[in-house]
Amino acid sequence: IVLYVLNRIIYRTVEMDSNEVPFLCHGEDVFAKILWKNGEAVGFYSVKSK
């Protein structure tokens, strides 16, 4: 849920450039890890189960 909010609300409305292609949300079979620094999300990675 947090990654979805960061992607759909924060990133797309505040940080994304107009010529930039947004990344797609993950499916139910994908696990995502959000990397935090000083209370801010600074990155993420995802792992898809086989």
PDB file of N, CA and C in Angstrom:
ATOM      1  N   ILE A   1       0.833  -1.186   0.000  1.00  0.00           N
ATOM      2  CA  ILE A   1       0.000   0.000   0.000  1.00  0.00           C
ATOM      3  C   ILE A   1       0.880   1.253   0.000  1.00  0.00           C
ATOM      4  N   VAL A   2       1.950   1.230   0.777  1.00  0.00           N
ATOM      5  CA  VAL A   2       2.816   2.410   0.848  1.00  0.00           C
ATOM      6  C   VAL A   2       3.466   2.691  -0.497  1.00  0.00           C
ATOM      7  N   LEU A   3       3.961   1.640  -1.171  1.00  0.00           N
ATOM      8  CA  LEU A   3       4.583   1.837  -2.479  1.00  0.00           C
ATOM      9  C   LEU A   3       3.572   2.367  -3.489  1.00  0.00           C
ATOM     10  N   TYR A   4       2.344   1.885  -3.429  1.00  0.00           N
ATOM     11  CA  TYR A   4       1.287   2.372  -4.318  1.00  0.00           C
ATOM     12  C   TYR A   4       1.039   3.865  -4.091  1.00  0.00           C
ATOM     13  N   VAL A   5       0.940   4.270  -2.841  1.00  0.00           N
ATOM     14  CA  VAL A   5       0.712   5.688  -2.525  1.00  0.00           C
ATOM     15  C   VAL A   5       1.891   6.534  -2.993  1.00  0.00           C
ATOM     16  N   LEU A   6       3.113   6.069  -2.731  1.00  0.00           N
ATOM     17  CA  LEU A   6       4.285   6.813  -3.176  1.00  0.00           C
ATOM     18  C   LEU A   6       4.306   6.956  -4.690  1.00  0.00           C
ATOM     19  N   ASN A   7       3.948   5.902  -5.411  1.00  0.00           N
ATOM     20  CA  ASN A   7       3.967   5.912  -6.869  1.00  0.00           C
ATOM     21  C   ASN A   7       2.852   6.771  -7.440  1.00  0.00           C
ATOM     22  N   ARG A   8       1.631   6.514  -7.046  1.00  0.00           N
ATOM     23  CA  ARG A   8       0.463   7.154  -7.648  1.00  0.00           C
ATOM     24  C   ARG A   8       0.229   8.585  -7.202  1.00  0.00           C
ATOM     25  N   ILE A   9       0.488   8.871  -5.954  1.00  0.00           N
ATOM     26  CA  ILE A   9       0.142  10.196  -5.439  1.00  0.00           C
ATOM     27  C   ILE A   9       1.369  11.102  -5.362  1.00  0.00           C
ATOM     28  N   ILE A  10       2.366  10.685  -4.627  1.00  0.00           N
ATOM     29  CA  ILE A  10       3.525  11.549  -4.404  1.00  0.00           C
ATOM     30  C   ILE A  10       4.358  11.699  -5.674  1.00  0.00           C
ATOM     31  N   TYR A  11       4.831  10.590  -6.223  1.00  0.00           N
ATOM     32  CA  TYR A  11       5.742  10.644  -7.365  1.00  0.00           C
ATOM     33  C   TYR A  11       5.085  11.272  -8.589  1.00  0.00           C
ATOM     34  N   ARG A  12       3.904  10.815  -8.945  1.00  0.00           N
ATOM     35  CA  ARG A  12       3.266  11.293 -10.177  1.00  0.00           C
ATOM     36  C   ARG A  12       2.773  12.730 -10.094  1.00  0.00           C
ATOM     37  N   THR A  13       2.449  13.214  -8.916  1.00  0.00           N
ATOM     38  CA  THR A  13       1.934  14.583  -8.821  1.00  0.00           C
ATOM     39  C   THR A  13       3.002  15.600  -8.432  1.00  0.00           C
ATOM     40  N   VAL A  14       4.079  15.150  -7.786  1.00  0.00           N
ATOM     41  CA  VAL A  14       5.064  16.104  -7.281  1.00  0.00           C
ATOM     42  C   VAL A  14       6.413  15.986  -7.982  1.00  0.00           C
ATOM     43  N   GLU A  15       6.921  14.765  -8.146  1.00  0.00           N
ATOM     44  CA  GLU A  15       8.307  14.590  -8.560  1.00  0.00           C
ATOM     45  C   GLU A  15       8.507  14.239 -10.030  1.00  0.00           C
ATOM     46  N   MET A  16       7.519  13.707 -10.700  1.00  0.00           N
ATOM     47  CA  MET A  16       7.691  13.205 -12.060  1.00  0.00           C
ATOM     48  C   MET A  16       7.740  14.347 -13.070  1.00  0.00           C
ATOM     49  N   ASP A  17       8.706  14.301 -13.993  1.00  0.00           N
ATOM     50  CA  ASP A  17       8.770  15.263 -15.085  1.00  0.00           C
ATOM     51  C   ASP A  17       7.695  14.943 -16.112  1.00  0.00           C
ATOM     52  N   SER A  18       7.307  15.921 -16.901  1.00  0.00           N
ATOM     53  CA  SER A  18       6.228  15.723 -17.876  1.00  0.00           C
ATOM     54  C   SER A  18       6.609  14.749 -18.985  1.00  0.00           C
ATOM     55  N   ASN A  19       7.888  14.614 -19.313  1.00  0.00           N
ATOM     56  CA  ASN A  19       8.321  13.696 -20.372  1.00  0.00           C
ATOM     57  C   ASN A  19       8.762  12.335 -19.844  1.00  0.00           C
ATOM     58  N   GLU A  20       8.603  12.096 -18.566  1.00  0.00           N
ATOM     59  CA  GLU A  20       9.036  10.857 -17.926  1.00  0.00           C
ATOM     60  C   GLU A  20       7.922   9.812 -17.951  1.00  0.00           C
ATOM     61  N   VAL A  21       8.300   8.555 -18.171  1.00  0.00           N
ATOM     62  CA  VAL A  21       7.340   7.452 -18.171  1.00  0.00           C
ATOM     63  C   VAL A  21       7.246   6.892 -16.753  1.00  0.00           C
ATOM     64  N   PRO A  22       6.048   6.824 -16.162  1.00  0.00           N
ATOM     65  CA  PRO A  22       5.926   6.304 -14.792  1.00  0.00           C
ATOM     66  C   PRO A  22       6.148   4.796 -14.748  1.00  0.00           C
ATOM     67  N   PHE A  23       6.647   4.308 -13.617  1.00  0.00           N
ATOM     68  CA  PHE A  23       6.785   2.863 -13.468  1.00  0.00           C
ATOM     69  C   PHE A  23       5.439   2.264 -13.107  1.00  0.00           C
ATOM     70  N   LEU A  24       5.239   1.017 -13.496  1.00  0.00           N
ATOM     71  CA  LEU A  24       3.966   0.347 -13.250  1.00  0.00           C
ATOM     72  C   LEU A  24       3.913  -0.194 -11.832  1.00  0.00           C
ATOM     73  N   CYS A  25       2.720  -0.270 -11.308  1.00  0.00           N
ATOM     74  CA  CYS A  25       2.540  -0.851  -9.976  1.00  0.00           C
ATOM     75  C   CYS A  25       2.775  -2.352 -10.039  1.00  0.00           C
ATOM     76  N   HIS A  26       3.182  -2.907  -8.933  1.00  0.00           N
ATOM     77  CA  HIS A  26       3.499  -4.323  -8.861  1.00  0.00           C
ATOM     78  C   HIS A  26       2.244  -5.167  -8.730  1.00  0.00           C
ATOM     79  N   GLY A  27       2.330  -6.401  -9.220  1.00  0.00           N
ATOM     80  CA  GLY A  27       1.237  -7.350  -9.079  1.00  0.00           C
ATOM     81  C   GLY A  27       1.247  -8.009  -7.712  1.00  0.00           C
ATOM     82  N   GLU A  28       0.277  -8.873  -7.490  1.00  0.00           N
ATOM     83  CA  GLU A  28       0.150  -9.540  -6.194  1.00  0.00           C
ATOM     84  C   GLU A  28       1.278 -10.523  -5.917  1.00  0.00           C
ATOM     85  N   ASP A  29       1.958 -10.996  -6.964  1.00  0.00           N
ATOM     86  CA  ASP A  29       3.024 -11.979  -6.785  1.00  0.00           C
ATOM     87  C   ASP A  29       4.407 -11.332  -6.656  1.00  0.00           C
ATOM     88  N   VAL A  30       4.458 -10.025  -6.476  1.00  0.00           N
ATOM     89  CA  VAL A  30       5.716  -9.300  -6.373  1.00  0.00           C
ATOM     90  C   VAL A  30       5.839  -8.680  -4.982  1.00  0.00           C
ATOM     91  N   PHE A  31       7.017  -8.852  -4.385  1.00  0.00           N
ATOM     92  CA  PHE A  31       7.305  -8.252  -3.090  1.00  0.00           C
ATOM     93  C   PHE A  31       8.196  -7.035  -3.315  1.00  0.00           C
ATOM     94  N   ALA A  32       7.907  -5.955  -2.635  1.00  0.00           N
ATOM     95  CA  ALA A  32       8.698  -4.735  -2.797  1.00  0.00           C
ATOM     96  C   ALA A  32       9.284  -4.307  -1.459  1.00  0.00           C
ATOM     97  N   LYS A  33      10.495  -3.794  -1.513  1.00  0.00           N
ATOM     98  CA  LYS A  33      11.180  -3.264  -0.331  1.00  0.00           C
ATOM     99  C   LYS A  33      11.449  -1.787  -0.586  1.00  0.00           C
ATOM    100  N   ILE A  34      10.989  -0.938   0.316  1.00  0.00           N
ATOM    101  CA  ILE A  34      11.213   0.498   0.203  1.00  0.00           C
ATOM    102  C   ILE A  34      12.408   0.865   1.072  1.00  0.00           C
ATOM    103  N   LEU A  35      13.334   1.624   0.521  1.00  0.00           N
ATOM    104  CA  LEU A  35      14.516   2.063   1.247  1.00  0.00           C
ATOM    105  C   LEU A  35      14.269   3.472   1.784  1.00  0.00           C
ATOM    106  N   TRP A  36      14.471   3.645   3.085  1.00  0.00           N
ATOM    107  CA  TRP A  36      14.195   4.920   3.754  1.00  0.00           C
ATOM    108  C   TRP A  36      15.487   5.531   4.263  1.00  0.00           C
ATOM    109  N   LYS A  37      15.563   6.865   4.223  1.00  0.00           N
ATOM    110  CA  LYS A  37      16.694   7.594   4.801  1.00  0.00           C
ATOM    111  C   LYS A  37      16.158   8.873   5.424  1.00  0.00           C
ATOM    112  N   ASN A  38      16.379   9.031   6.715  1.00  0.00           N
ATOM    113  CA  ASN A  38      15.915  10.219   7.444  1.00  0.00           C
ATOM    114  C   ASN A  38      14.419  10.464   7.265  1.00  0.00           C
ATOM    115  N   GLY A  39      13.636   9.397   7.270  1.00  0.00           N
ATOM    116  CA  GLY A  39      12.185   9.528   7.177  1.00  0.00           C
ATOM    117  C   GLY A  39      11.639   9.732   5.777  1.00  0.00           C
ATOM    118  N   GLU A  40      12.504   9.673   4.746  1.00  0.00           N
ATOM    119  CA  GLU A  40      12.053   9.841   3.369  1.00  0.00           C
ATOM    120  C   GLU A  40      12.365   8.591   2.565  1.00  0.00           C
ATOM    121  N   ALA A  41      11.446   8.223   1.677  1.00  0.00           N
ATOM    122  CA  ALA A  41      11.689   7.102   0.777  1.00  0.00           C
ATOM    123  C   ALA A  41      12.697   7.550  -0.273  1.00  0.00           C
ATOM    124  N   VAL A  42      13.805   6.812  -0.394  1.00  0.00           N
ATOM    125  CA  VAL A  42      14.855   7.192  -1.337  1.00  0.00           C
ATOM    126  C   VAL A  42      15.018   6.191  -2.471  1.00  0.00           C
ATOM    127  N   GLY A  43      14.324   5.069  -2.399  1.00  0.00           N
ATOM    128  CA  GLY A  43      14.413   4.074  -3.453  1.00  0.00           C
ATOM    129  C   GLY A  43      13.621   2.835  -3.094  1.00  0.00           C
ATOM    130  N   PHE A  44      13.597   1.907  -4.030  1.00  0.00           N
ATOM    131  CA  PHE A  44      12.916   0.645  -3.783  1.00  0.00           C
ATOM    132  C   PHE A  44      13.477  -0.418  -4.714  1.00  0.00           C
ATOM    133  N   TYR A  45      13.237  -1.664  -4.376  1.00  0.00           N
ATOM    134  CA  TYR A  45      13.495  -2.766  -5.289  1.00  0.00           C
ATOM    135  C   TYR A  45      12.375  -3.767  -5.136  1.00  0.00           C
ATOM    136  N   SER A  46      12.189  -4.598  -6.143  1.00  0.00           N
ATOM    137  CA  SER A  46      11.116  -5.584  -6.092  1.00  0.00           C
ATOM    138  C   SER A  46      11.651  -6.952  -6.477  1.00  0.00           C
ATOM    139  N   VAL A  47      10.995  -7.984  -5.948  1.00  0.00           N
ATOM    140  CA  VAL A  47      11.360  -9.371  -6.208  1.00  0.00           C
ATOM    141  C   VAL A  47      10.097 -10.110  -6.602  1.00  0.00           C
ATOM    142  N   LYS A  48      10.153 -10.799  -7.729  1.00  0.00           N
ATOM    143  CA  LYS A  48       9.007 -11.575  -8.194  1.00  0.00           C
ATOM    144  C   LYS A  48       9.241 -13.041  -7.847  1.00  0.00           C
ATOM    145  N   SER A  49       8.285 -13.650  -7.158  1.00  0.00           N
ATOM    146  CA  SER A  49       8.424 -15.057  -6.783  1.00  0.00           C
ATOM    147  C   SER A  49       8.186 -15.938  -8.000  1.00  0.00           C
ATOM    148  N   LYS A  50       8.849 -17.094  -8.003  1.00  0.00           N
ATOM    149  CA  LYS A  50       8.708 -18.025  -9.136  1.00  0.00           C
ATOM    150  C   LYS A  50       7.450 -18.832  -9.026  1.00  0.00           C
TER     151      LYS A  50
END
